[in-house]
Amino acid sequence: MSNLGTKRLETALAIATYAIGSGTASIAPTPGGEIPKQLILTASDILMYTRIWKIYFEEDLSNKGLVEILAELGLVTVGATATAYIVSKASTAILKEITNWTGPLGWGIAGAIAGSLSGLFGFAWALYCDNLYSQKWLKPV
């Protein structure tokens, strides 16, 4: 398997691990405590993003690297992505508050949604890292 193939496999496993963790953590009902839980899940997502970066570039994502990445992505893309992320986390928190009263079925659905959103954002970040890695390190054939 090529180096890029190994990176992609390791990234997919990391995303799956973090998505399952987020979904599992979201299942437990915490009436009135969903916003703090979403902040903790956001911290977990950030760890996922830094792990994906480290898989591809074998370096820790430093503040300088983050600023360069944000500049490269452009303000419009960063703003749109940040807005989508915040809206998804707020929607998940609201949905979870509602489903706390529906019992285990509702908890499972909310957990599946939370895990899917973490996986979706992780996949988008992985695509960006993969593209950047390909542009920097792979020669066109």
C-alpha atoms as a PDB file:
ATOM      1  CA  MET A   1       0.000   0.000   0.000  1.00  0.00           C
ATOM      2  CA  SER A   2       1.342   3.416  -0.896  1.00  0.00           C
ATOM      3  CA  ASN A   3       2.209   6.008   1.696  1.00  0.00           C
ATOM      4  CA  LEU A   4      -0.878   8.022   0.688  1.00  0.00           C
ATOM      5  CA  GLY A   5      -3.034   4.897   0.941  1.00  0.00           C
ATOM      6  CA  THR A   6      -1.744   4.256   4.448  1.00  0.00           C
ATOM      7  CA  LYS A   7      -2.467   7.859   5.437  1.00  0.00           C
ATOM      8  CA  ARG A   8      -5.999   7.606   4.063  1.00  0.00           C
ATOM      9  CA  LEU A   9      -6.680   4.367   5.921  1.00  0.00           C
ATOM     10  CA  GLU A  10      -5.297   5.733   9.184  1.00  0.00           C
ATOM     11  CA  THR A  11      -7.361   8.897   8.716  1.00  0.00           C
ATOM     12  CA  ALA A  12     -10.554   6.922   8.062  1.00  0.00           C
ATOM     13  CA  LEU A  13      -9.962   4.902  11.236  1.00  0.00           C
ATOM     14  CA  ALA A  14      -9.344   8.085  13.245  1.00  0.00           C
ATOM     15  CA  ILE A  15     -12.528   9.707  11.919  1.00  0.00           C
ATOM     16  CA  ALA A  16     -14.560   6.579  12.681  1.00  0.00           C
ATOM     17  CA  THR A  17     -13.149   6.418  16.200  1.00  0.00           C
ATOM     18  CA  TYR A  18     -13.930  10.066  16.975  1.00  0.00           C
ATOM     19  CA  ALA A  19     -17.389   9.879  15.337  1.00  0.00           C
ATOM     20  CA  ILE A  20     -18.329   6.786  17.347  1.00  0.00           C
ATOM     21  CA  GLY A  21     -17.014   8.453  20.497  1.00  0.00           C
ATOM     22  CA  SER A  22     -19.042  11.606  19.841  1.00  0.00           C
ATOM     23  CA  GLY A  23     -22.166   9.623  19.109  1.00  0.00           C
ATOM     24  CA  THR A  24     -21.733   7.490  22.207  1.00  0.00           C
ATOM     25  CA  ALA A  25     -21.102  10.514  24.439  1.00  0.00           C
ATOM     26  CA  SER A  26     -24.189  12.203  23.013  1.00  0.00           C
ATOM     27  CA  ILE A  27     -26.506   9.314  23.837  1.00  0.00           C
ATOM     28  CA  ALA A  28     -26.507   9.824  27.592  1.00  0.00           C
ATOM     29  CA  PRO A  29     -29.274  12.233  28.628  1.00  0.00           C
ATOM     30  CA  THR A  30     -28.171  15.376  30.448  1.00  0.00           C
ATOM     31  CA  PRO A  31     -31.261  17.591  30.794  1.00  0.00           C
ATOM     32  CA  GLY A  32     -30.196  21.229  30.861  1.00  0.00           C
ATOM     33  CA  GLY A  33     -26.558  20.287  30.315  1.00  0.00           C
ATOM     34  CA  GLU A  34     -26.352  19.873  26.571  1.00  0.00           C
ATOM     35  CA  ILE A  35     -24.461  23.098  25.792  1.00  0.00           C
ATOM     36  CA  PRO A  36     -21.503  22.192  28.061  1.00  0.00           C
ATOM     37  CA  LYS A  37     -21.509  18.689  26.556  1.00  0.00           C
ATOM     38  CA  GLN A  38     -21.362  20.182  23.056  1.00  0.00           C
ATOM     39  CA  LEU A  39     -18.347  22.265  24.111  1.00  0.00           C
ATOM     40  CA  ILE A  40     -16.578  19.084  25.228  1.00  0.00           C
ATOM     41  CA  LEU A  41     -17.515  17.363  21.962  1.00  0.00           C
ATOM     42  CA  THR A  42     -16.155  20.376  20.076  1.00  0.00           C
ATOM     43  CA  ALA A  43     -12.848  19.942  21.899  1.00  0.00           C
ATOM     44  CA  SER A  44     -12.906  16.288  20.813  1.00  0.00           C
ATOM     45  CA  ASP A  45     -13.511  17.382  17.211  1.00  0.00           C
ATOM     46  CA  ILE A  46     -10.521  19.724  17.412  1.00  0.00           C
ATOM     47  CA  LEU A  47      -8.394  16.810  18.603  1.00  0.00           C
ATOM     48  CA  MET A  48      -9.648  14.830  15.600  1.00  0.00           C
ATOM     49  CA  TYR A  49      -8.629  17.625  13.213  1.00  0.00           C
ATOM     50  CA  THR A  50      -5.161  17.884  14.725  1.00  0.00           C
ATOM     51  CA  ARG A  51      -4.794  14.085  14.572  1.00  0.00           C
ATOM     52  CA  ILE A  52      -5.692  14.053  10.874  1.00  0.00           C
ATOM     53  CA  TRP A  53      -3.175  16.832  10.232  1.00  0.00           C
ATOM     54  CA  LYS A  54      -0.486  14.876  12.074  1.00  0.00           C
ATOM     55  CA  ILE A  55      -1.274  11.742  10.047  1.00  0.00           C
ATOM     56  CA  TYR A  56      -0.749  13.577   6.775  1.00  0.00           C
ATOM     57  CA  PHE A  57       2.088  15.934   7.615  1.00  0.00           C
ATOM     58  CA  GLU A  58       3.758  14.242  10.603  1.00  0.00           C
ATOM     59  CA  GLU A  59       3.816  17.488  12.536  1.00  0.00           C
ATOM     60  CA  ASP A  60       1.721  19.070  15.221  1.00  0.00           C
ATOM     61  CA  LEU A  61      -0.688  21.712  14.064  1.00  0.00           C
ATOM     62  CA  SER A  62       0.879  24.863  15.473  1.00  0.00           C
ATOM     63  CA  ASN A  63      -0.654  28.318  15.711  1.00  0.00           C
ATOM     64  CA  LYS A  64       1.493  29.427  12.781  1.00  0.00           C
ATOM     65  CA  GLY A  65       0.327  26.460  10.726  1.00  0.00           C
ATOM     66  CA  LEU A  66      -3.282  27.162  11.599  1.00  0.00           C
ATOM     67  CA  VAL A  67      -2.988  30.823  10.556  1.00  0.00           C
ATOM     68  CA  GLU A  68      -1.398  29.764   7.239  1.00  0.00           C
ATOM     69  CA  ILE A  69      -4.174  27.245   6.648  1.00  0.00           C
ATOM     70  CA  LEU A  70      -6.899  29.791   7.401  1.00  0.00           C
ATOM     71  CA  ALA A  71      -5.270  32.325   5.083  1.00  0.00           C
ATOM     72  CA  GLU A  72      -5.018  29.713   2.349  1.00  0.00           C
ATOM     73  CA  LEU A  73      -8.646  28.668   2.716  1.00  0.00           C
ATOM     74  CA  GLY A  74      -9.879  32.237   2.537  1.00  0.00           C
ATOM     75  CA  LEU A  75     -12.138  34.151   4.878  1.00  0.00           C
ATOM     76  CA  VAL A  76     -15.366  33.287   3.070  1.00  0.00           C
ATOM     77  CA  THR A  77     -14.735  29.553   3.277  1.00  0.00           C
ATOM     78  CA  VAL A  78     -13.588  29.772   6.891  1.00  0.00           C
ATOM     79  CA  GLY A  79     -16.609  31.895   7.822  1.00  0.00           C
ATOM     80  CA  ALA A  80     -19.040  29.554   6.082  1.00  0.00           C
ATOM     81  CA  THR A  81     -17.469  26.457   7.629  1.00  0.00           C
ATOM     82  CA  ALA A  82     -17.385  27.969  11.118  1.00  0.00           C
ATOM     83  CA  THR A  83     -21.013  29.064  10.797  1.00  0.00           C
ATOM     84  CA  ALA A  84     -22.080  25.602   9.605  1.00  0.00           C
ATOM     85  CA  TYR A  85     -20.178  23.971  12.464  1.00  0.00           C
ATOM     86  CA  ILE A  86     -21.695  26.259  15.109  1.00  0.00           C
ATOM     87  CA  VAL A  87     -25.202  25.820  13.693  1.00  0.00           C
ATOM     88  CA  SER A  88     -24.782  22.038  13.643  1.00  0.00           C
ATOM     89  CA  LYS A  89     -23.581  21.974  17.265  1.00  0.00           C
ATOM     90  CA  ALA A  90     -26.378  24.291  18.421  1.00  0.00           C
ATOM     91  CA  SER A  91     -28.978  22.252  16.519  1.00  0.00           C
ATOM     92  CA  THR A  92     -27.626  19.050  18.032  1.00  0.00           C
ATOM     93  CA  ALA A  93     -27.824  20.541  21.523  1.00  0.00           C
ATOM     94  CA  ILE A  94     -31.430  21.684  20.969  1.00  0.00           C
ATOM     95  CA  LEU A  95     -32.398  18.328  19.447  1.00  0.00           C
ATOM     96  CA  LYS A  96     -30.763  16.508  22.340  1.00  0.00           C
ATOM     97  CA  GLU A  97     -32.656  18.621  24.900  1.00  0.00           C
ATOM     98  CA  ILE A  98     -35.903  17.652  23.180  1.00  0.00           C
ATOM     99  CA  THR A  99     -35.017  13.970  22.849  1.00  0.00           C
ATOM    100  CA  ASN A 100     -33.990  13.720  26.514  1.00  0.00           C
ATOM    101  CA  TRP A 101     -37.689  13.311  27.234  1.00  0.00           C
ATOM    102  CA  THR A 102     -38.390  10.718  24.521  1.00  0.00           C
ATOM    103  CA  GLY A 103     -36.448   7.849  26.049  1.00  0.00           C
ATOM    104  CA  PRO A 104     -33.805   5.517  24.660  1.00  0.00           C
ATOM    105  CA  LEU A 105     -35.029   5.606  21.052  1.00  0.00           C
ATOM    106  CA  GLY A 106     -34.724   9.402  20.907  1.00  0.00           C
ATOM    107  CA  TRP A 107     -31.345   9.262  22.659  1.00  0.00           C
ATOM    108  CA  GLY A 108     -30.068   6.807  20.057  1.00  0.00           C
ATOM    109  CA  ILE A 109     -31.276   8.972  17.185  1.00  0.00           C
ATOM    110  CA  ALA A 110     -29.622  12.073  18.663  1.00  0.00           C
ATOM    111  CA  GLY A 111     -26.397  10.110  19.202  1.00  0.00           C
ATOM    112  CA  ALA A 112     -26.427   8.893  15.603  1.00  0.00           C
ATOM    113  CA  ILE A 113     -26.917  12.460  14.360  1.00  0.00           C
ATOM    114  CA  ALA A 114     -24.092  13.795  16.552  1.00  0.00           C
ATOM    115  CA  GLY A 115     -21.718  11.048  15.445  1.00  0.00           C
ATOM    116  CA  SER A 116     -22.628  11.599  11.799  1.00  0.00           C
ATOM    117  CA  LEU A 117     -21.949  15.327  12.051  1.00  0.00           C
ATOM    118  CA  SER A 118     -18.542  14.730  13.641  1.00  0.00           C
ATOM    119  CA  GLY A 119     -17.741  12.219  10.912  1.00  0.00           C
ATOM    120  CA  LEU A 120     -18.903  14.598   8.182  1.00  0.00           C
ATOM    121  CA  PHE A 121     -16.746  17.472   9.411  1.00  0.00           C
ATOM    122  CA  GLY A 122     -13.809  15.090   9.904  1.00  0.00           C
ATOM    123  CA  PHE A 123     -14.230  13.806   6.356  1.00  0.00           C
ATOM    124  CA  ALA A 124     -14.258  17.362   4.973  1.00  0.00           C
ATOM    125  CA  TRP A 125     -11.037  18.173   6.876  1.00  0.00           C
ATOM    126  CA  ALA A 126      -9.467  14.909   5.670  1.00  0.00           C
ATOM    127  CA  LEU A 127     -10.292  15.834   2.065  1.00  0.00           C
ATOM    128  CA  TYR A 128      -8.591  19.185   2.542  1.00  0.00           C
ATOM    129  CA  CYS A 129      -5.491  17.579   4.102  1.00  0.00           C
ATOM    130  CA  ASP A 130      -5.382  14.909   1.402  1.00  0.00           C
ATOM    131  CA  ASN A 131      -5.584  17.523  -1.338  1.00  0.00           C
ATOM    132  CA  LEU A 132      -2.906  19.675   0.286  1.00  0.00           C
ATOM    133  CA  TYR A 133      -0.637  16.663   0.774  1.00  0.00           C
ATOM    134  CA  SER A 134      -1.132  15.594  -2.843  1.00  0.00           C
ATOM    135  CA  GLN A 135      -0.299  19.062  -4.142  1.00  0.00           C
ATOM    136  CA  LYS A 136       2.840  19.399  -2.012  1.00  0.00           C
ATOM    137  CA  TRP A 137       4.337  15.920  -2.084  1.00  0.00           C
ATOM    138  CA  LEU A 138       3.052  13.957  -5.053  1.00  0.00           C
ATOM    139  CA  LYS A 139       4.390  14.672  -8.505  1.00  0.00           C
ATOM    140  CA  PRO A 140       1.892  14.739 -11.382  1.00  0.00           C
ATOM    141  CA  VAL A 141       2.088  11.697 -13.609  1.00  0.00           C
END
